[in-house]
Amino acid sequence: MPGMARVWIGLGSLAGCTAVIMAALAAHALPQKLPPRAVEAVRAAVQMQGWHAIALVLVGIWAMRGAPSLVNVAGAAFLVGLILFCGSVYLGELAGVRFGPTAPVGGIAFMAGWLLLAVAAWVAAG
């Protein structure tokens, strides 16, 4: 398995595992400890984390098949989005730590990742 494929599949798998852990916390532990708005924010971050964990695994599978280099850039954008968006929501709601507009920047990174995948598909088809 090529190096970056292994990285994307491994990171996607870890992101998926931690998404399940966070979903369990959001369902069972957080409703008794946080206001409903905070629990909903965590659930939204869990959903984004789950979707982008799958996206990273798919990036890894495509990278194994000799994908255009844009696929690896898309994977990096997804990783940045996971860290900035999900990480800032978790830190903000669970620990009260805020770093400015990191969640919106992470959301933009997610969008960029999807657009980069679209361009990579276009390039690969051409």
N, C-alpha and C. Protein backbone atom coordinates (compact mmCIF):
# COMPACT_ATOMS: atom_id res chain seq x y z
N MET A 1 0.86 -1.18 0.00
CA MET A 1 0.00 0.00 0.00
C MET A 1 0.90 1.23 0.00
N PRO A 2 0.71 2.14 -0.96
CA PRO A 2 1.52 3.36 -0.99
C PRO A 2 1.41 4.16 0.31
N GLY A 3 2.46 4.94 0.63
CA GLY A 3 2.55 5.64 1.90
C GLY A 3 1.38 6.54 2.25
N MET A 4 0.96 7.40 1.34
CA MET A 4 -0.12 8.32 1.68
C MET A 4 -1.45 7.59 1.81
N ALA A 5 -1.65 6.52 1.06
CA ALA A 5 -2.88 5.74 1.20
C ALA A 5 -2.99 5.21 2.62
N ARG A 6 -1.90 4.69 3.14
CA ARG A 6 -1.88 4.17 4.51
C ARG A 6 -2.17 5.28 5.52
N VAL A 7 -1.60 6.45 5.30
CA VAL A 7 -1.83 7.59 6.20
C VAL A 7 -3.31 7.97 6.21
N TRP A 8 -3.91 8.12 5.02
CA TRP A 8 -5.31 8.56 4.96
C TRP A 8 -6.25 7.52 5.55
N ILE A 9 -6.02 6.26 5.25
CA ILE A 9 -6.88 5.21 5.80
C ILE A 9 -6.71 5.12 7.31
N GLY A 10 -5.47 5.22 7.79
CA GLY A 10 -5.24 5.18 9.24
C GLY A 10 -5.87 6.36 9.96
N LEU A 11 -5.68 7.57 9.42
CA LEU A 11 -6.28 8.76 10.05
C LEU A 11 -7.80 8.73 9.97
N GLY A 12 -8.33 8.27 8.84
CA GLY A 12 -9.78 8.16 8.71
C GLY A 12 -10.36 7.16 9.70
N SER A 13 -9.66 6.06 9.90
CA SER A 13 -10.11 5.06 10.86
C SER A 13 -10.08 5.60 12.28
N LEU A 14 -9.02 6.32 12.63
CA LEU A 14 -8.96 6.94 13.97
C LEU A 14 -10.05 7.99 14.14
N ALA A 15 -10.29 8.77 13.11
CA ALA A 15 -11.36 9.77 13.18
C ALA A 15 -12.72 9.10 13.33
N GLY A 16 -12.93 7.99 12.64
CA GLY A 16 -14.18 7.26 12.77
C GLY A 16 -14.37 6.69 14.16
N CYS A 17 -13.32 6.13 14.71
CA CYS A 17 -13.39 5.58 16.07
C CYS A 17 -13.70 6.67 17.08
N THR A 18 -13.01 7.79 17.00
CA THR A 18 -13.27 8.86 17.96
C THR A 18 -14.64 9.50 17.73
N ALA A 19 -15.15 9.45 16.51
CA ALA A 19 -16.51 9.95 16.26
C ALA A 19 -17.53 9.09 17.00
N VAL A 20 -17.32 7.78 17.00
CA VAL A 20 -18.22 6.88 17.73
C VAL A 20 -18.13 7.16 19.24
N ILE A 21 -16.93 7.37 19.74
CA ILE A 21 -16.76 7.69 21.16
C ILE A 21 -17.49 8.99 21.50
N MET A 22 -17.29 10.01 20.67
CA MET A 22 -17.94 11.29 20.93
C MET A 22 -19.47 11.19 20.80
N ALA A 23 -19.94 10.36 19.88
CA ALA A 23 -21.39 10.17 19.74
C ALA A 23 -21.96 9.52 21.00
N ALA A 24 -21.24 8.56 21.56
CA ALA A 24 -21.69 7.92 22.80
C ALA A 24 -21.72 8.93 23.94
N LEU A 25 -20.70 9.76 24.03
CA LEU A 25 -20.70 10.81 25.06
C LEU A 25 -21.87 11.77 24.87
N ALA A 26 -22.09 12.19 23.63
CA ALA A 26 -23.17 13.13 23.35
C ALA A 26 -24.54 12.54 23.66
N ALA A 27 -24.67 11.24 23.51
CA ALA A 27 -25.96 10.60 23.77
C ALA A 27 -26.18 10.27 25.24
N HIS A 28 -25.11 9.91 25.93
CA HIS A 28 -25.29 9.36 27.28
C HIS A 28 -24.77 10.23 28.42
N ALA A 29 -23.69 10.96 28.21
CA ALA A 29 -23.09 11.70 29.32
C ALA A 29 -23.35 13.20 29.26
N LEU A 30 -23.31 13.75 28.07
CA LEU A 30 -23.37 15.21 27.96
C LEU A 30 -24.73 15.83 28.25
N PRO A 31 -25.85 15.17 27.92
CA PRO A 31 -27.14 15.82 28.20
C PRO A 31 -27.35 16.17 29.68
N GLN A 32 -26.72 15.45 30.59
CA GLN A 32 -26.86 15.75 32.02
C GLN A 32 -25.88 16.85 32.47
N LYS A 33 -24.89 17.16 31.63
CA LYS A 33 -23.84 18.09 32.05
C LYS A 33 -23.83 19.40 31.30
N LEU A 34 -24.41 19.43 30.10
CA LEU A 34 -24.33 20.63 29.26
C LEU A 34 -25.72 21.10 28.87
N PRO A 35 -25.85 22.39 28.54
CA PRO A 35 -27.13 22.87 28.03
C PRO A 35 -27.44 22.24 26.67
N PRO A 36 -28.70 22.16 26.30
CA PRO A 36 -29.08 21.53 25.02
C PRO A 36 -28.36 22.11 23.80
N ARG A 37 -28.13 23.44 23.78
CA ARG A 37 -27.42 24.05 22.65
C ARG A 37 -26.02 23.48 22.50
N ALA A 38 -25.32 23.27 23.61
CA ALA A 38 -23.96 22.73 23.58
C ALA A 38 -23.97 21.28 23.12
N VAL A 39 -24.94 20.50 23.59
CA VAL A 39 -25.05 19.10 23.17
C VAL A 39 -25.31 19.03 21.67
N GLU A 40 -26.17 19.90 21.15
CA GLU A 40 -26.44 19.92 19.71
C GLU A 40 -25.20 20.31 18.91
N ALA A 41 -24.40 21.23 19.43
CA ALA A 41 -23.16 21.61 18.75
C ALA A 41 -22.21 20.42 18.69
N VAL A 42 -22.09 19.68 19.79
CA VAL A 42 -21.22 18.50 19.81
C VAL A 42 -21.75 17.46 18.82
N ARG A 43 -23.05 17.26 18.79
CA ARG A 43 -23.63 16.29 17.85
C ARG A 43 -23.36 16.69 16.40
N ALA A 44 -23.42 17.99 16.12
CA ALA A 44 -23.11 18.46 14.75
C ALA A 44 -21.65 18.17 14.41
N ALA A 45 -20.75 18.39 15.37
CA ALA A 45 -19.33 18.10 15.13
C ALA A 45 -19.11 16.61 14.94
N VAL A 46 -19.83 15.79 15.71
CA VAL A 46 -19.72 14.33 15.56
C VAL A 46 -20.15 13.92 14.15
N GLN A 47 -21.24 14.50 13.68
CA GLN A 47 -21.72 14.16 12.34
C GLN A 47 -20.68 14.54 11.28
N MET A 48 -20.12 15.75 11.39
CA MET A 48 -19.09 16.17 10.43
C MET A 48 -17.86 15.27 10.53
N GLN A 49 -17.50 14.89 11.75
CA GLN A 49 -16.34 14.02 11.93
C GLN A 49 -16.58 12.67 11.28
N GLY A 50 -17.78 12.12 11.48
CA GLY A 50 -18.08 10.81 10.88
C GLY A 50 -18.03 10.83 9.37
N TRP A 51 -18.66 11.85 8.78
CA TRP A 51 -18.64 11.94 7.32
C TRP A 51 -17.23 12.10 6.77
N HIS A 52 -16.43 12.91 7.44
CA HIS A 52 -15.09 13.18 6.92
C HIS A 52 -14.10 12.07 7.27
N ALA A 53 -14.42 11.26 8.28
CA ALA A 53 -13.63 10.04 8.51
C ALA A 53 -13.79 9.11 7.32
N ILE A 54 -15.03 8.95 6.87
CA ILE A 54 -15.28 8.12 5.68
C ILE A 54 -14.59 8.72 4.46
N ALA A 55 -14.65 10.03 4.33
CA ALA A 55 -13.99 10.69 3.19
C ALA A 55 -12.49 10.41 3.19
N LEU A 56 -11.87 10.45 4.37
CA LEU A 56 -10.42 10.17 4.43
C LEU A 56 -10.11 8.73 4.02
N VAL A 57 -10.93 7.78 4.45
CA VAL A 57 -10.71 6.39 4.06
C VAL A 57 -10.85 6.26 2.54
N LEU A 58 -11.85 6.91 1.97
CA LEU A 58 -12.03 6.86 0.52
C LEU A 58 -10.88 7.54 -0.22
N VAL A 59 -10.36 8.62 0.32
CA VAL A 59 -9.17 9.26 -0.25
C VAL A 59 -8.01 8.25 -0.25
N GLY A 60 -7.86 7.52 0.84
CA GLY A 60 -6.80 6.51 0.91
C GLY A 60 -6.98 5.41 -0.11
N ILE A 61 -8.20 4.97 -0.31
CA ILE A 61 -8.46 3.93 -1.32
C ILE A 61 -8.14 4.45 -2.71
N TRP A 62 -8.56 5.69 -2.98
CA TRP A 62 -8.26 6.26 -4.29
C TRP A 62 -6.75 6.46 -4.46
N ALA A 63 -6.06 6.85 -3.39
CA ALA A 63 -4.61 7.04 -3.46
C ALA A 63 -3.90 5.72 -3.77
N MET A 64 -4.45 4.60 -3.29
CA MET A 64 -3.85 3.29 -3.60
C MET A 64 -3.91 2.98 -5.08
N ARG A 65 -4.88 3.55 -5.76
CA ARG A 65 -5.10 3.26 -7.17
C ARG A 65 -4.40 4.25 -8.09
N GLY A 66 -3.48 5.03 -7.54
CA GLY A 66 -2.73 5.97 -8.36
C GLY A 66 -3.51 7.23 -8.70
N ALA A 67 -4.14 7.82 -7.71
CA ALA A 67 -4.95 9.01 -7.91
C ALA A 67 -4.09 10.23 -8.23
N PRO A 68 -4.70 11.24 -8.84
CA PRO A 68 -3.98 12.51 -9.04
C PRO A 68 -3.53 13.09 -7.70
N SER A 69 -2.48 13.89 -7.71
CA SER A 69 -1.95 14.45 -6.46
C SER A 69 -2.97 15.33 -5.75
N LEU A 70 -3.95 15.84 -6.47
CA LEU A 70 -5.01 16.64 -5.83
C LEU A 70 -5.79 15.84 -4.79
N VAL A 71 -5.81 14.53 -4.94
CA VAL A 71 -6.52 13.69 -3.97
C VAL A 71 -5.84 13.80 -2.61
N ASN A 72 -4.51 13.80 -2.60
CA ASN A 72 -3.80 13.97 -1.33
C ASN A 72 -4.00 15.36 -0.74
N VAL A 73 -4.11 16.36 -1.59
CA VAL A 73 -4.40 17.71 -1.11
C VAL A 73 -5.81 17.75 -0.51
N ALA A 74 -6.75 17.05 -1.12
CA ALA A 74 -8.10 16.97 -0.58
C ALA A 74 -8.07 16.28 0.79
N GLY A 75 -7.29 15.21 0.91
CA GLY A 75 -7.16 14.54 2.20
C GLY A 75 -6.61 15.47 3.26
N ALA A 76 -5.63 16.28 2.89
CA ALA A 76 -5.07 17.24 3.84
C ALA A 76 -6.12 18.28 4.25
N ALA A 77 -6.93 18.71 3.29
CA ALA A 77 -8.00 19.67 3.61
C ALA A 77 -9.01 19.04 4.57
N PHE A 78 -9.36 17.78 4.35
CA PHE A 78 -10.27 17.10 5.27
C PHE A 78 -9.67 17.01 6.67
N LEU A 79 -8.40 16.70 6.74
CA LEU A 79 -7.72 16.59 8.04
C LEU A 79 -7.72 17.95 8.76
N VAL A 80 -7.40 19.01 8.03
CA VAL A 80 -7.43 20.36 8.61
C VAL A 80 -8.84 20.68 9.09
N GLY A 81 -9.84 20.33 8.30
CA GLY A 81 -11.22 20.56 8.71
C GLY A 81 -11.58 19.81 9.97
N LEU A 82 -11.15 18.56 10.07
CA LEU A 82 -11.42 17.77 11.28
C LEU A 82 -10.82 18.43 12.51
N ILE A 83 -9.58 18.86 12.38
CA ILE A 83 -8.89 19.46 13.52
C ILE A 83 -9.52 20.80 13.89
N LEU A 84 -9.71 21.65 12.89
CA LEU A 84 -10.19 23.00 13.19
C LEU A 84 -11.67 23.04 13.52
N PHE A 85 -12.50 22.38 12.71
CA PHE A 85 -13.94 22.44 12.96
C PHE A 85 -14.32 21.59 14.17
N CYS A 86 -14.10 20.30 14.06
CA CYS A 86 -14.52 19.40 15.14
C CYS A 86 -13.75 19.69 16.42
N GLY A 87 -12.46 19.87 16.31
CA GLY A 87 -11.65 20.14 17.50
C GLY A 87 -12.08 21.40 18.21
N SER A 88 -12.37 22.46 17.46
CA SER A 88 -12.76 23.71 18.13
C SER A 88 -14.15 23.60 18.75
N VAL A 89 -15.06 22.87 18.12
CA VAL A 89 -16.38 22.68 18.74
C VAL A 89 -16.24 21.86 20.02
N TYR A 90 -15.48 20.77 19.97
CA TYR A 90 -15.30 19.95 21.16
C TYR A 90 -14.64 20.74 22.29
N LEU A 91 -13.56 21.44 21.97
CA LEU A 91 -12.88 22.22 23.01
C LEU A 91 -13.77 23.34 23.54
N GLY A 92 -14.49 23.99 22.66
CA GLY A 92 -15.34 25.10 23.09
C GLY A 92 -16.48 24.64 23.97
N GLU A 93 -17.15 23.56 23.59
CA GLU A 93 -18.33 23.12 24.33
C GLU A 93 -17.98 22.27 25.55
N LEU A 94 -16.92 21.51 25.47
CA LEU A 94 -16.57 20.60 26.57
C LEU A 94 -15.61 21.23 27.58
N ALA A 95 -14.74 22.11 27.11
CA ALA A 95 -13.72 22.67 28.02
C ALA A 95 -13.80 24.19 28.14
N GLY A 96 -14.67 24.83 27.36
CA GLY A 96 -14.78 26.28 27.41
C GLY A 96 -13.60 27.00 26.80
N VAL A 97 -12.80 26.31 26.01
CA VAL A 97 -11.62 26.90 25.37
C VAL A 97 -12.01 27.34 23.96
N ARG A 98 -11.75 28.60 23.65
CA ARG A 98 -12.11 29.14 22.34
C ARG A 98 -10.88 29.79 21.71
N PHE A 99 -10.72 29.58 20.40
CA PHE A 99 -9.56 30.10 19.67
C PHE A 99 -9.94 31.02 18.53
N GLY A 100 -11.04 31.71 18.63
CA GLY A 100 -11.45 32.57 17.53
C GLY A 100 -12.21 31.79 16.48
N PRO A 101 -12.18 32.24 15.23
CA PRO A 101 -13.03 31.64 14.20
C PRO A 101 -12.47 30.35 13.59
N THR A 102 -12.02 29.43 14.43
CA THR A 102 -11.43 28.19 13.89
C THR A 102 -12.48 27.27 13.28
N ALA A 103 -13.68 27.22 13.86
CA ALA A 103 -14.72 26.34 13.30
C ALA A 103 -15.09 26.77 11.87
N PRO A 104 -15.33 28.06 11.60
CA PRO A 104 -15.63 28.44 10.21
C PRO A 104 -14.48 28.13 9.25
N VAL A 105 -13.25 28.32 9.71
CA VAL A 105 -12.10 28.00 8.85
C VAL A 105 -12.06 26.50 8.57
N GLY A 106 -12.36 25.71 9.60
CA GLY A 106 -12.42 24.26 9.41
C GLY A 106 -13.53 23.87 8.44
N GLY A 107 -14.67 24.54 8.53
CA GLY A 107 -15.75 24.29 7.58
C GLY A 107 -15.35 24.62 6.15
N ILE A 108 -14.62 25.70 6.00
CA ILE A 108 -14.11 26.06 4.66
C ILE A 108 -13.13 25.00 4.17
N ALA A 109 -12.30 24.47 5.07
CA ALA A 109 -11.37 23.40 4.69
C ALA A 109 -12.14 22.16 4.22
N PHE A 110 -13.24 21.82 4.91
CA PHE A 110 -14.08 20.69 4.46
C PHE A 110 -14.59 20.94 3.04
N MET A 111 -15.13 22.14 2.80
CA MET A 111 -15.65 22.46 1.47
C MET A 111 -14.55 22.40 0.42
N ALA A 112 -13.38 22.92 0.77
CA ALA A 112 -12.25 22.88 -0.17
C ALA A 112 -11.87 21.44 -0.49
N GLY A 113 -11.88 20.58 0.51
CA GLY A 113 -11.57 19.17 0.27
C GLY A 113 -12.52 18.54 -0.74
N TRP A 114 -13.81 18.81 -0.57
CA TRP A 114 -14.78 18.25 -1.52
C TRP A 114 -14.59 18.82 -2.92
N LEU A 115 -14.31 20.12 -3.01
CA LEU A 115 -14.07 20.71 -4.33
C LEU A 115 -12.80 20.15 -4.97
N LEU A 116 -11.78 19.94 -4.15
CA LEU A 116 -10.54 19.35 -4.68
C LEU A 116 -10.78 17.93 -5.18
N LEU A 117 -11.62 17.16 -4.50
CA LEU A 117 -11.96 15.82 -4.99
C LEU A 117 -12.68 15.90 -6.32
N ALA A 118 -13.58 16.87 -6.45
CA ALA A 118 -14.30 17.04 -7.71
C ALA A 118 -13.33 17.36 -8.85
N VAL A 119 -12.40 18.25 -8.59
CA VAL A 119 -11.40 18.61 -9.61
C VAL A 119 -10.51 17.40 -9.93
N ALA A 120 -10.13 16.66 -8.91
CA ALA A 120 -9.30 15.46 -9.12
C ALA A 120 -10.05 14.45 -10.00
N ALA A 121 -11.35 14.29 -9.77
CA ALA A 121 -12.13 13.38 -10.58
C ALA A 121 -12.19 13.86 -12.04
N TRP A 122 -12.33 15.17 -12.19
CA TRP A 122 -12.37 15.75 -13.52
C TRP A 122 -11.04 15.52 -14.24
N VAL A 123 -9.94 15.75 -13.53
CA VAL A 123 -8.61 15.57 -14.10
C VAL A 123 -8.39 14.09 -14.46
N ALA A 124 -8.78 13.19 -13.57
CA ALA A 124 -8.58 11.77 -13.80
C ALA A 124 -9.40 11.28 -14.99
N ALA A 125 -10.55 11.89 -15.22
CA ALA A 125 -11.41 11.46 -16.32
C ALA A 125 -10.93 11.97 -17.67
N GLY A 126 -10.11 13.05 -17.62
CA GLY A 126 -9.69 13.71 -18.84
C GLY A 126 -8.57 13.04 -19.49
